[in-house]
PDB file of N, CA and C in Angstrom:
ATOM      1  N   UNK A   1     269.117 189.409   2.392  1.00  0.00           N
ATOM      2  CA  UNK A   1     268.514 189.214   3.684  1.00  0.00           C
ATOM      3  C   UNK A   1     267.034 188.871   3.496  1.00  0.00           C
ATOM      4  N   UNK A   2     266.566 187.725   4.042  1.00  0.00           N
ATOM      5  CA  UNK A   2     265.176 187.315   3.844  1.00  0.00           C
ATOM      6  C   UNK A   2     264.211 188.248   4.589  1.00  0.00           C
ATOM      7  N   UNK A   3     263.023 188.349   4.010  1.00  0.00           N
ATOM      8  CA  UNK A   3     261.998 189.184   4.635  1.00  0.00           C
ATOM      9  C   UNK A   3     261.459 188.511   5.879  1.00  0.00           C
ATOM     10  N   UNK A   4     261.216 189.303   6.849  1.00  0.00           N
ATOM     11  CA  UNK A   4     260.687 188.794   8.095  1.00  0.00           C
ATOM     12  C   UNK A   4     259.155 188.708   7.993  1.00  0.00           C
ATOM     13  N   UNK A   5     258.613 187.572   8.396  1.00  0.00           N
ATOM     14  CA  UNK A   5     257.170 187.404   8.363  1.00  0.00           C
ATOM     15  C   UNK A   5     256.548 188.189   9.513  1.00  0.00           C
ATOM     16  N   UNK A   6     255.548 188.954   9.189  1.00  0.00           N
ATOM     17  CA  UNK A   6     254.855 189.713  10.220  1.00  0.00           C
ATOM     18  C   UNK A   6     253.360 189.476  10.082  1.00  0.00           C
ATOM     19  N   UNK A   7     252.696 189.592  11.172  1.00  0.00           N
ATOM     20  CA  UNK A   7     251.235 189.502  11.126  1.00  0.00           C
ATOM     21  C   UNK A   7     250.689 190.918  11.234  1.00  0.00           C
ATOM     22  N   UNK A   8     249.688 191.234  10.447  1.00  0.00           N
ATOM     23  CA  UNK A   8     249.151 192.598  10.490  1.00  0.00           C
ATOM     24  C   UNK A   8     248.415 192.858  11.791  1.00  0.00           C
ATOM     25  N   UNK A   9     248.577 194.068  12.309  1.00  0.00           N
ATOM     26  CA  UNK A   9     247.842 194.476  13.497  1.00  0.00           C
ATOM     27  C   UNK A   9     246.459 194.940  13.070  1.00  0.00           C
ATOM     28  N   UNK A  10     245.531 194.890  13.981  1.00  0.00           N
ATOM     29  CA  UNK A  10     244.151 195.242  13.659  1.00  0.00           C
ATOM     30  C   UNK A  10     244.041 196.659  13.117  1.00  0.00           C
ATOM     31  N   UNK A  11     244.802 197.616  13.689  1.00  0.00           N
ATOM     32  CA  UNK A  11     244.689 198.995  13.224  1.00  0.00           C
ATOM     33  C   UNK A  11     245.354 199.190  11.864  1.00  0.00           C
ATOM     34  N   UNK A  12     246.209 198.264  11.444  1.00  0.00           N
ATOM     35  CA  UNK A  12     246.857 198.371  10.140  1.00  0.00           C
ATOM     36  C   UNK A  12     245.991 197.834   9.012  1.00  0.00           C
ATOM     37  N   UNK A  13     245.015 197.014   9.352  1.00  0.00           N
ATOM     38  CA  UNK A  13     244.157 196.435   8.329  1.00  0.00           C
ATOM     39  C   UNK A  13     243.219 197.492   7.776  1.00  0.00           C
ATOM     40  N   UNK A  14     243.068 197.508   6.469  1.00  0.00           N
ATOM     41  CA  UNK A  14     242.142 198.449   5.861  1.00  0.00           C
ATOM     42  C   UNK A  14     240.742 197.853   5.908  1.00  0.00           C
ATOM     43  N   UNK A  15     239.776 198.706   6.135  1.00  0.00           N
ATOM     44  CA  UNK A  15     238.388 198.247   6.192  1.00  0.00           C
ATOM     45  C   UNK A  15     237.924 197.893   4.789  1.00  0.00           C
ATOM     46  N   UNK A  16     237.030 196.955   4.702  1.00  0.00           N
ATOM     47  CA  UNK A  16     236.485 196.577   3.413  1.00  0.00           C
ATOM     48  C   UNK A  16     235.556 197.671   2.905  1.00  0.00           C
ATOM     49  N   UNK A  17     235.145 197.556   1.665  1.00  0.00           N
ATOM     50  CA  UNK A  17     234.389 198.623   1.017  1.00  0.00           C
ATOM     51  C   UNK A  17     233.023 198.852   1.653  1.00  0.00           C
ATOM     52  N   UNK A  18     232.425 197.829   2.262  1.00  0.00           N
ATOM     53  CA  UNK A  18     231.097 197.967   2.861  1.00  0.00           C
ATOM     54  C   UNK A  18     231.153 198.209   4.367  1.00  0.00           C
ATOM     55  N   UNK A  19     232.291 198.665   4.879  1.00  0.00           N
ATOM     56  CA  UNK A  19     232.439 198.827   6.323  1.00  0.00           C
ATOM     57  C   UNK A  19     231.422 199.798   6.899  1.00  0.00           C
ATOM     58  N   UNK A  20     230.972 200.766   6.126  1.00  0.00           N
ATOM     59  CA  UNK A  20     229.981 201.712   6.625  1.00  0.00           C
ATOM     60  C   UNK A  20     228.658 201.062   6.947  1.00  0.00           C
ATOM     61  N   UNK A  21     228.421 199.895   6.393  1.00  0.00           N
ATOM     62  CA  UNK A  21     227.177 199.189   6.647  1.00  0.00           C
ATOM     63  C   UNK A  21     227.342 198.076   7.677  1.00  0.00           C
ATOM     64  N   UNK A  22     228.525 198.011   8.285  1.00  0.00           N
ATOM     65  CA  UNK A  22     228.734 197.065   9.370  1.00  0.00           C
ATOM     66  C   UNK A  22     228.067 197.627  10.622  1.00  0.00           C
ATOM     67  N   UNK A  23     228.034 196.856  11.675  1.00  0.00           N
ATOM     68  CA  UNK A  23     227.341 197.263  12.898  1.00  0.00           C
ATOM     69  C   UNK A  23     227.866 198.604  13.401  1.00  0.00           C
ATOM     70  N   UNK A  24     229.174 198.791  13.396  1.00  0.00           N
ATOM     71  CA  UNK A  24     229.762 200.041  13.902  1.00  0.00           C
ATOM     72  C   UNK A  24     229.313 201.232  13.063  1.00  0.00           C
ATOM     73  N   UNK A  25     229.325 201.083  11.746  1.00  0.00           N
ATOM     74  CA  UNK A  25     228.906 202.161  10.861  1.00  0.00           C
ATOM     75  C   UNK A  25     227.432 202.509  11.038  1.00  0.00           C
ATOM     76  N   UNK A  26     226.616 201.494  11.188  1.00  0.00           N
ATOM     77  CA  UNK A  26     225.191 201.730  11.409  1.00  0.00           C
ATOM     78  C   UNK A  26     224.979 202.430  12.750  1.00  0.00           C
ATOM     79  N   UNK A  27     225.721 201.996  13.771  1.00  0.00           N
ATOM     80  CA  UNK A  27     225.575 202.597  15.094  1.00  0.00           C
ATOM     81  C   UNK A  27     225.947 204.079  15.057  1.00  0.00           C
ATOM     82  N   UNK A  28     226.989 204.434  14.324  1.00  0.00           N
ATOM     83  CA  UNK A  28     227.373 205.840  14.211  1.00  0.00           C
ATOM     84  C   UNK A  28     226.271 206.661  13.556  1.00  0.00           C
ATOM     85  N   UNK A  29     225.665 206.111  12.525  1.00  0.00           N
ATOM     86  CA  UNK A  29     224.590 206.821  11.843  1.00  0.00           C
ATOM     87  C   UNK A  29     223.364 206.961  12.745  1.00  0.00           C
ATOM     88  N   UNK A  30     223.050 205.914  13.476  1.00  0.00           N
ATOM     89  CA  UNK A  30     221.902 205.961  14.386  1.00  0.00           C
ATOM     90  C   UNK A  30     222.150 206.990  15.484  1.00  0.00           C
ATOM     91  N   UNK A  31     223.371 207.049  16.013  1.00  0.00           N
ATOM     92  CA  UNK A  31     223.683 208.015  17.065  1.00  0.00           C
ATOM     93  C   UNK A  31     223.524 209.439  16.553  1.00  0.00           C
ATOM     94  N   UNK A  32     223.860 209.675  15.301  1.00  0.00           N
ATOM     95  CA  UNK A  32     223.666 211.013  14.737  1.00  0.00           C
ATOM     96  C   UNK A  32     222.183 211.355  14.670  1.00  0.00           C
ATOM     97  N   UNK A  33     221.370 210.375  14.280  1.00  0.00           N
ATOM     98  CA  UNK A  33     219.921 210.616  14.217  1.00  0.00           C
ATOM     99  C   UNK A  33     219.372 210.861  15.618  1.00  0.00           C
ATOM    100  N   UNK A  34     219.774 210.039  16.584  1.00  0.00           N
ATOM    101  CA  UNK A  34     219.292 210.201  17.951  1.00  0.00           C
ATOM    102  C   UNK A  34     219.821 211.481  18.583  1.00  0.00           C
ATOM    103  N   UNK A  35     220.909 212.014  18.049  1.00  0.00           N
ATOM    104  CA  UNK A  35     221.467 213.276  18.536  1.00  0.00           C
ATOM    105  C   UNK A  35     220.709 214.495  18.041  1.00  0.00           C
ATOM    106  N   UNK A  36     219.728 214.288  17.172  1.00  0.00           N
ATOM    107  CA  UNK A  36     218.907 215.393  16.741  1.00  0.00           C
ATOM    108  C   UNK A  36     219.045 215.778  15.276  1.00  0.00           C
ATOM    109  N   UNK A  37     219.955 215.146  14.556  1.00  0.00           N
ATOM    110  CA  UNK A  37     220.094 215.470  13.137  1.00  0.00           C
ATOM    111  C   UNK A  37     218.950 214.846  12.348  1.00  0.00           C
ATOM    112  N   UNK A  38     218.599 215.455  11.254  1.00  0.00           N
ATOM    113  CA  UNK A  38     217.538 214.928  10.399  1.00  0.00           C
ATOM    114  C   UNK A  38     218.038 213.730   9.601  1.00  0.00           C
ATOM    115  N   UNK A  39     217.206 212.721   9.523  1.00  0.00           N
ATOM    116  CA  UNK A  39     217.566 211.495   8.810  1.00  0.00           C
ATOM    117  C   UNK A  39     217.887 211.795   7.350  1.00  0.00           C
ATOM    118  N   UNK A  40     217.080 212.626   6.716  1.00  0.00           N
ATOM    119  CA  UNK A  40     217.287 212.936   5.298  1.00  0.00           C
ATOM    120  C   UNK A  40     218.645 213.589   5.066  1.00  0.00           C
ATOM    121  N   UNK A  41     219.075 214.460   5.979  1.00  0.00           N
ATOM    122  CA  UNK A  41     220.369 215.129   5.821  1.00  0.00           C
ATOM    123  C   UNK A  41     221.520 214.146   5.968  1.00  0.00           C
ATOM    124  N   UNK A  42     221.428 213.302   6.988  1.00  0.00           N
ATOM    125  CA  UNK A  42     222.492 212.313   7.209  1.00  0.00           C
ATOM    126  C   UNK A  42     222.570 211.350   6.030  1.00  0.00           C
ATOM    127  N   UNK A  43     221.429 210.899   5.566  1.00  0.00           N
ATOM    128  CA  UNK A  43     221.397 209.949   4.444  1.00  0.00           C
ATOM    129  C   UNK A  43     222.010 210.572   3.197  1.00  0.00           C
ATOM    130  N   UNK A  44     221.683 211.821   2.923  1.00  0.00           N
ATOM    131  CA  UNK A  44     222.218 212.478   1.739  1.00  0.00           C
ATOM    132  C   UNK A  44     223.731 212.694   1.866  1.00  0.00           C
ATOM    133  N   UNK A  45     224.187 213.125   3.036  1.00  0.00           N
ATOM    134  CA  UNK A  45     225.616 213.366   3.263  1.00  0.00           C
ATOM    135  C   UNK A  45     226.433 212.090   3.117  1.00  0.00           C
ATOM    136  N   UNK A  46     225.914 211.005   3.652  1.00  0.00           N
ATOM    137  CA  UNK A  46     226.689 209.763   3.692  1.00  0.00           C
ATOM    138  C   UNK A  46     226.328 208.792   2.579  1.00  0.00           C
ATOM    139  N   UNK A  47     225.337 209.120   1.783  1.00  0.00           N
ATOM    140  CA  UNK A  47     225.033 208.332   0.599  1.00  0.00           C
ATOM    141  C   UNK A  47     224.369 206.994   0.851  1.00  0.00           C
ATOM    142  N   UNK A  48     223.321 206.974   1.645  1.00  0.00           N
ATOM    143  CA  UNK A  48     222.555 205.738   1.831  1.00  0.00           C
ATOM    144  C   UNK A  48     221.085 206.113   1.922  1.00  0.00           C
ATOM    145  N   UNK A  49     220.185 205.183   1.631  1.00  0.00           N
ATOM    146  CA  UNK A  49     218.750 205.490   1.636  1.00  0.00           C
ATOM    147  C   UNK A  49     218.237 205.841   3.033  1.00  0.00           C
ATOM    148  N   UNK A  50     217.382 206.837   3.113  1.00  0.00           N
ATOM    149  CA  UNK A  50     216.854 207.240   4.420  1.00  0.00           C
ATOM    150  C   UNK A  50     215.970 206.152   5.009  1.00  0.00           C
ATOM    151  N   UNK A  51     215.367 205.301   4.157  1.00  0.00           N
ATOM    152  CA  UNK A  51     214.555 204.200   4.673  1.00  0.00           C
ATOM    153  C   UNK A  51     215.403 203.266   5.532  1.00  0.00           C
ATOM    154  N   UNK A  52     216.668 203.078   5.125  1.00  0.00           N
ATOM    155  CA  UNK A  52     217.576 202.236   5.915  1.00  0.00           C
ATOM    156  C   UNK A  52     217.806 202.857   7.287  1.00  0.00           C
ATOM    157  N   UNK A  53     218.012 204.170   7.307  1.00  0.00           N
ATOM    158  CA  UNK A  53     218.256 204.843   8.582  1.00  0.00           C
ATOM    159  C   UNK A  53     217.055 204.702   9.510  1.00  0.00           C
ATOM    160  N   UNK A  54     215.852 204.879   8.982  1.00  0.00           N
ATOM    161  CA  UNK A  54     214.667 204.698   9.817  1.00  0.00           C
ATOM    162  C   UNK A  54     214.584 203.272  10.352  1.00  0.00           C
ATOM    163  N   UNK A  55     214.911 202.303   9.510  1.00  0.00           N
ATOM    164  CA  UNK A  55     214.880 200.898   9.935  1.00  0.00           C
ATOM    165  C   UNK A  55     215.908 200.657  11.038  1.00  0.00           C
ATOM    166  N   UNK A  56     217.122 201.213  10.854  1.00  0.00           N
ATOM    167  CA  UNK A  56     218.177 201.020  11.850  1.00  0.00           C
ATOM    168  C   UNK A  56     217.810 201.667  13.176  1.00  0.00           C
ATOM    169  N   UNK A  57     217.237 202.865  13.115  1.00  0.00           N
ATOM    170  CA  UNK A  57     216.828 203.547  14.352  1.00  0.00           C
ATOM    171  C   UNK A  57     215.763 202.729  15.066  1.00  0.00           C
ATOM    172  N   UNK A  58     214.785 202.215  14.329  1.00  0.00           N
ATOM    173  CA  UNK A  58     213.723 201.403  14.930  1.00  0.00           C
ATOM    174  C   UNK A  58     214.301 200.153  15.592  1.00  0.00           C
ATOM    175  N   UNK A  59     215.221 199.487  14.902  1.00  0.00           N
ATOM    176  CA  UNK A  59     215.828 198.278  15.466  1.00  0.00           C
ATOM    177  C   UNK A  59     216.710 198.608  16.667  1.00  0.00           C
ATOM    178  N   UNK A  60     217.425 199.739  16.585  1.00  0.00           N
ATOM    179  CA  UNK A  60     218.296 200.140  17.693  1.00  0.00           C
ATOM    180  C   UNK A  60     217.472 200.424  18.941  1.00  0.00           C
ATOM    181  N   UNK A  61     216.342 201.098  18.788  1.00  0.00           N
ATOM    182  CA  UNK A  61     215.484 201.397  19.931  1.00  0.00           C
ATOM    183  C   UNK A  61     214.880 200.127  20.512  1.00  0.00           C
ATOM    184  N   UNK A  62     214.567 199.169  19.670  1.00  0.00           N
ATOM    185  CA  UNK A  62     213.929 197.931  20.143  1.00  0.00           C
ATOM    186  C   UNK A  62     214.927 196.938  20.730  1.00  0.00           C
ATOM    187  N   UNK A  63     216.127 196.807  20.097  1.00  0.00           N
ATOM    188  CA  UNK A  63     217.052 195.739  20.478  1.00  0.00           C
ATOM    189  C   UNK A  63     218.435 196.219  20.899  1.00  0.00           C
ATOM    190  N   UNK A  64     218.695 197.511  20.803  1.00  0.00           N
ATOM    191  CA  UNK A  64     220.027 198.004  21.126  1.00  0.00           C
ATOM    192  C   UNK A  64     220.976 197.753  19.968  1.00  0.00           C
ATOM    193  N   UNK A  65     222.265 197.748  20.253  1.00  0.00           N
ATOM    194  CA  UNK A  65     223.272 197.597  19.198  1.00  0.00           C
ATOM    195  C   UNK A  65     223.168 196.246  18.493  1.00  0.00           C
ATOM    196  N   UNK A  66     222.674 195.244  19.197  1.00  0.00           N
ATOM    197  CA  UNK A  66     222.532 193.911  18.598  1.00  0.00           C
ATOM    198  C   UNK A  66     221.535 193.921  17.440  1.00  0.00           C
ATOM    199  N   UNK A  67     220.595 194.844  17.466  1.00  0.00           N
ATOM    200  CA  UNK A  67     219.601 194.933  16.405  1.00  0.00           C
ATOM    201  C   UNK A  67     220.154 195.425  15.090  1.00  0.00           C
ATOM    202  N   UNK A  68     221.390 195.936  15.094  1.00  0.00           N
ATOM    203  CA  UNK A  68     221.994 196.468  13.874  1.00  0.00           C
ATOM    204  C   UNK A  68     222.793 195.425  13.107  1.00  0.00           C
ATOM    205  N   UNK A  69     222.924 194.227  13.653  1.00  0.00           N
ATOM    206  CA  UNK A  69     223.682 193.191  12.949  1.00  0.00           C
ATOM    207  C   UNK A  69     222.912 192.709  11.733  1.00  0.00           C
ATOM    208  N   UNK A  70     223.612 192.070  10.819  1.00  0.00           N
ATOM    209  CA  UNK A  70     222.997 191.592   9.586  1.00  0.00           C
ATOM    210  C   UNK A  70     221.895 190.584   9.846  1.00  0.00           C
ATOM    211  N   UNK A  71     220.926 190.587   8.973  1.00  0.00           N
ATOM    212  CA  UNK A  71     219.805 189.653   9.100  1.00  0.00           C
ATOM    213  C   UNK A  71     219.633 188.883   7.811  1.00  0.00           C
ATOM    214  N   UNK A  72     219.072 187.730   7.932  1.00  0.00           N
ATOM    215  CA  UNK A  72     218.804 186.896   6.767  1.00  0.00           C
ATOM    216  C   UNK A  72     217.630 187.476   5.990  1.00  0.00           C
ATOM    217  N   UNK A  73     217.697 187.365   4.680  1.00  0.00           N
ATOM    218  CA  UNK A  73     216.584 187.825   3.852  1.00  0.00           C
ATOM    219  C   UNK A  73     215.621 186.678   3.531  1.00  0.00           C
ATOM    220  N   UNK A  74     215.876 185.518   4.130  1.00  0.00           N
ATOM    221  CA  UNK A  74     215.028 184.350   3.904  1.00  0.00           C
ATOM    222  C   UNK A  74     213.642 184.589   4.497  1.00  0.00           C
ATOM    223  N   UNK A  75     212.616 184.083   3.833  1.00  0.00           N
ATOM    224  CA  UNK A  75     211.260 184.217   4.337  1.00  0.00           C
ATOM    225  C   UNK A  75     211.113 183.485   5.657  1.00  0.00           C
ATOM    226  N   UNK A  76     210.236 184.001   6.504  1.00  0.00           N
ATOM    227  CA  UNK A  76     209.979 183.353   7.782  1.00  0.00           C
ATOM    228  C   UNK A  76     209.055 182.160   7.623  1.00  0.00           C
ATOM    229  N   UNK A  77     208.200 182.208   6.625  1.00  0.00           N
ATOM    230  CA  UNK A  77     207.315 181.086   6.362  1.00  0.00           C
ATOM    231  C   UNK A  77     207.066 180.997   4.863  1.00  0.00           C
ATOM    232  N   UNK A  78     206.642 179.836   4.427  1.00  0.00           N
ATOM    233  CA  UNK A  78     206.352 179.636   3.013  1.00  0.00           C
ATOM    234  C   UNK A  78     204.876 179.291   2.896  1.00  0.00           C
ATOM    235  N   UNK A  79     204.113 180.183   2.294  1.00  0.00           N
ATOM    236  CA  UNK A  79     202.673 180.017   2.220  1.00  0.00           C
ATOM    237  C   UNK A  79     202.262 178.870   1.298  1.00  0.00           C
ATOM    238  N   UNK A  80     203.020 178.626   0.252  1.00  0.00           N
ATOM    239  CA  UNK A  80     202.610 177.642  -0.751  1.00  0.00           C
ATOM    240  C   UNK A  80     203.385 176.330  -0.626  1.00  0.00           C
ATOM    241  N   UNK A  81     203.724 175.948   0.572  1.00  0.00           N
ATOM    242  CA  UNK A  81     204.459 174.710   0.785  1.00  0.00           C
ATOM    243  C   UNK A  81     203.577 173.517   0.430  1.00  0.00           C
ATOM    244  N   UNK A  82     204.106 172.605  -0.366  1.00  0.00           N
ATOM    245  CA  UNK A  82     203.355 171.430  -0.787  1.00  0.00           C
ATOM    246  C   UNK A  82     203.209 170.470   0.387  1.00  0.00           C
ATOM    247  N   UNK A  83     202.028 169.915   0.532  1.00  0.00           N
ATOM    248  CA  UNK A  83     201.773 168.996   1.646  1.00  0.00           C
ATOM    249  C   UNK A  83     202.556 167.701   1.423  1.00  0.00           C
ATOM    250  N   UNK A  84     202.918 167.013   2.509  1.00  0.00           N
ATOM    251  CA  UNK A  84     203.642 165.747   2.387  1.00  0.00           C
ATOM    252  C   UNK A  84     202.849 164.697   1.598  1.00  0.00           C
ATOM    253  N   UNK A  85     201.518 164.712   1.731  1.00  0.00           N
ATOM    254  CA  UNK A  85     200.692 163.747   0.997  1.00  0.00           C
ATOM    255  C   UNK A  85     200.819 163.983  -0.511  1.00  0.00           C
ATOM    256  N   UNK A  86     200.762 165.257  -0.904  1.00  0.00           N
ATOM    257  CA  UNK A  86     200.867 165.574  -2.333  1.00  0.00           C
ATOM    258  C   UNK A  86     202.265 165.252  -2.860  1.00  0.00           C
ATOM    259  N   UNK A  87     203.297 165.529  -2.059  1.00  0.00           N
ATOM    260  CA  UNK A  87     204.660 165.163  -2.444  1.00  0.00           C
ATOM    261  C   UNK A  87     204.764 163.670  -2.714  1.00  0.00           C
ATOM    262  N   UNK A  88     204.190 162.868  -1.809  1.00  0.00           N
ATOM    263  CA  UNK A  88     204.246 161.410  -1.954  1.00  0.00           C
ATOM    264  C   UNK A  88     203.513 160.971  -3.219  1.00  0.00           C
ATOM    265  N   UNK A  89     202.361 161.582  -3.516  1.00  0.00           N
ATOM    266  CA  UNK A  89     201.602 161.219  -4.710  1.00  0.00           C
ATOM    267  C   UNK A  89     202.375 161.554  -5.981  1.00  0.00           C
ATOM    268  N   UNK A  90     203.008 162.714  -6.012  1.00  0.00           N
ATOM    269  CA  UNK A  90     203.797 163.120  -7.190  1.00  0.00           C
ATOM    270  C   UNK A  90     204.970 162.168  -7.387  1.00  0.00           C
ATOM    271  N   UNK A  91     205.657 161.827  -6.307  1.00  0.00           N
ATOM    272  CA  UNK A  91     206.797 160.910  -6.423  1.00  0.00           C
ATOM    273  C   UNK A  91     206.350 159.518  -6.866  1.00  0.00           C
ATOM    274  N   UNK A  92     205.189 159.090  -6.413  1.00  0.00           N
ATOM    275  CA  UNK A  92     204.669 157.783  -6.808  1.00  0.00           C
ATOM    276  C   UNK A  92     204.397 157.737  -8.315  1.00  0.00           C
ATOM    277  N   UNK A  93     203.751 158.773  -8.842  1.00  0.00           N
ATOM    278  CA  UNK A  93     203.467 158.843 -10.278  1.00  0.00           C
ATOM    279  C   UNK A  93     204.769 158.922 -11.066  1.00  0.00           C
ATOM    280  N   UNK A  94     205.705 159.719 -10.599  1.00  0.00           N
ATOM    281  CA  UNK A  94     206.979 159.838 -11.302  1.00  0.00           C
ATOM    282  C   UNK A  94     207.724 158.513 -11.324  1.00  0.00           C
ATOM    283  N   UNK A  95     207.690 157.805 -10.218  1.00  0.00           N
ATOM    284  CA  UNK A  95     208.361 156.506 -10.148  1.00  0.00           C
ATOM    285  C   UNK A  95     207.680 155.504 -11.081  1.00  0.00           C
ATOM    286  N   UNK A  96     206.346 155.505 -11.137  1.00  0.00           N
ATOM    287  CA  UNK A  96     205.620 154.601 -12.030  1.00  0.00           C
ATOM    288  C   UNK A  96     205.944 154.913 -13.488  1.00  0.00           C
ATOM    289  N   UNK A  97     206.013 156.189 -13.842  1.00  0.00           N
ATOM    290  CA  UNK A  97     206.366 156.571 -15.213  1.00  0.00           C
ATOM    291  C   UNK A  97     207.790 156.172 -15.558  1.00  0.00           C
ATOM    292  N   UNK A  98     208.686 156.286 -14.597  1.00  0.00           N
ATOM    293  CA  UNK A  98     210.079 155.923 -14.843  1.00  0.00           C
ATOM    294  C   UNK A  98     210.200 154.420 -15.098  1.00  0.00           C
ATOM    295  N   UNK A  99     209.409 153.602 -14.387  1.00  0.00           N
ATOM    296  CA  UNK A  99     209.450 152.157 -14.589  1.00  0.00           C
ATOM    297  C   UNK A  99     208.815 151.772 -15.924  1.00  0.00           C
ATOM    298  N   UNK A 100     207.790 152.510 -16.351  1.00  0.00           N
ATOM    299  CA  UNK A 100     207.075 152.191 -17.591  1.00  0.00           C
ATOM    300  C   UNK A 100     207.874 152.603 -18.825  1.00  0.00           C
ATOM    301  N   UNK A 101     208.744 153.573 -18.691  1.00  0.00           N
ATOM    302  CA  UNK A 101     209.496 154.079 -19.850  1.00  0.00           C
ATOM    303  C   UNK A 101     210.985 154.029 -19.553  1.00  0.00           C
ATOM    304  N   UNK A 102     211.654 152.909 -19.834  1.00  0.00           N
ATOM    305  CA  UNK A 102     213.096 152.832 -19.591  1.00  0.00           C
ATOM    306  C   UNK A 102     213.818 153.900 -20.406  1.00  0.00           C
ATOM    307  N   UNK A 103     214.802 154.494 -19.813  1.00  0.00           N
ATOM    308  CA  UNK A 103     215.564 155.536 -20.486  1.00  0.00           C
ATOM    309  C   UNK A 103     214.959 156.916 -20.324  1.00  0.00           C
ATOM    310  N   UNK A 104     213.893 157.000 -19.583  1.00  0.00           N
ATOM    311  CA  UNK A 104     213.249 158.288 -19.353  1.00  0.00           C
ATOM    312  C   UNK A 104     213.218 158.530 -17.853  1.00  0.00           C
ATOM    313  N   UNK A 105     213.498 159.658 -17.347  1.00  0.00           N
ATOM    314  CA  UNK A 105     213.722 160.946 -17.986  1.00  0.00           C
ATOM    315  C   UNK A 105     215.087 161.001 -18.656  1.00  0.00           C
ATOM    316  N   UNK A 106     215.243 161.927 -19.586  1.00  0.00           N
ATOM    317  CA  UNK A 106     216.497 162.014 -20.323  1.00  0.00           C
ATOM    318  C   UNK A 106     217.660 162.413 -19.419  1.00  0.00           C
ATOM    319  N   UNK A 107     218.826 162.013 -19.822  1.00  0.00           N
ATOM    320  CA  UNK A 107     220.042 162.381 -19.112  1.00  0.00           C
ATOM    321  C   UNK A 107     220.833 163.329 -20.008  1.00  0.00           C
ATOM    322  N   UNK A 108     221.803 164.033 -19.483  1.00  0.00           N
ATOM    323  CA  UNK A 108     222.593 164.937 -20.332  1.00  0.00           C
ATOM    324  C   UNK A 108     223.272 164.217 -21.497  1.00  0.00           C
ATOM    325  N   UNK A 109     223.620 162.932 -21.302  1.00  0.00           N
ATOM    326  CA  UNK A 109     224.285 162.194 -22.382  1.00  0.00           C
ATOM    327  C   UNK A 109     223.315 161.871 -23.514  1.00  0.00           C
ATOM    328  N   UNK A 110     222.065 161.622 -23.170  1.00  0.00           N
ATOM    329  CA  UNK A 110     221.043 161.295 -24.164  1.00  0.00           C
ATOM    330  C   UNK A 110     219.833 162.210 -23.945  1.00  0.00           C
ATOM    331  N   UNK A 111     219.856 163.415 -24.477  1.00  0.00           N
ATOM    332  CA  UNK A 111     218.807 164.381 -24.167  1.00  0.00           C
ATOM    333  C   UNK A 111     217.415 164.004 -24.658  1.00  0.00           C
ATOM    334  N   UNK A 112     217.286 163.063 -25.577  1.00  0.00           N
ATOM    335  CA  UNK A 112     215.974 162.674 -26.086  1.00  0.00           C
ATOM    336  C   UNK A 112     215.551 161.297 -25.599  1.00  0.00           C
ATOM    337  N   UNK A 113     216.078 160.883 -24.482  1.00  0.00           N
ATOM    338  CA  UNK A 113     215.743 159.580 -23.938  1.00  0.00           C
ATOM    339  C   UNK A 113     216.925 158.625 -24.081  1.00  0.00           C
ATOM    340  N   UNK A 114     216.643 157.318 -24.025  1.00  0.00           N
ATOM    341  CA  UNK A 114     217.731 156.352 -24.096  1.00  0.00           C
ATOM    342  C   UNK A 114     218.312 156.295 -25.502  1.00  0.00           C
ATOM    343  N   UNK A 115     219.357 155.597 -25.638  1.00  0.00           N
ATOM    344  CA  UNK A 115     220.077 155.522 -26.899  1.00  0.00           C
ATOM    345  C   UNK A 115     219.585 154.354 -27.752  1.00  0.00           C
ATOM    346  N   UNK A 116     218.282 154.086 -27.739  1.00  0.00           N
ATOM    347  CA  UNK A 116     217.757 153.011 -28.578  1.00  0.00           C
ATOM    348  C   UNK A 116     217.860 153.411 -30.042  1.00  0.00           C
ATOM    349  N   UNK A 117     218.389 152.578 -30.805  1.00  0.00           N
ATOM    350  CA  UNK A 117     218.507 152.827 -32.233  1.00  0.00           C
ATOM    351  C   UNK A 117     219.736 153.612 -32.620  1.00  0.00           C
ATOM    352  N   UNK A 118     220.683 153.826 -31.698  1.00  0.00           N
ATOM    353  CA  UNK A 118     221.907 154.552 -32.045  1.00  0.00           C
ATOM    354  C   UNK A 118     222.824 153.669 -32.863  1.00  0.00           C
TER     355      UNK A 118
END
């Protein structure tokens, strides 16, 4: 008798290993802190840094549950961004050097330049 195909129900799915750090897990931890428990005790019991709990509480107070969602670690600005003028000058010099020296820059096939004299 062939097996019947079934789709798993949401309650049957096992949570992934980092589920405690999902929005729901963070919200539970924040509610414990707001309920009067000490951050250090909760952090030690549940095994996460207390600095995270303070950050989550601050975000929860400022933005509500939406503040507990994941955030990008990308910088908001880049202080040392090269100016477009300097980019153009560098590309101009590189292009002039490439025209003056055929076979340069090296390619993976010829790591020391072109295959002259092979």
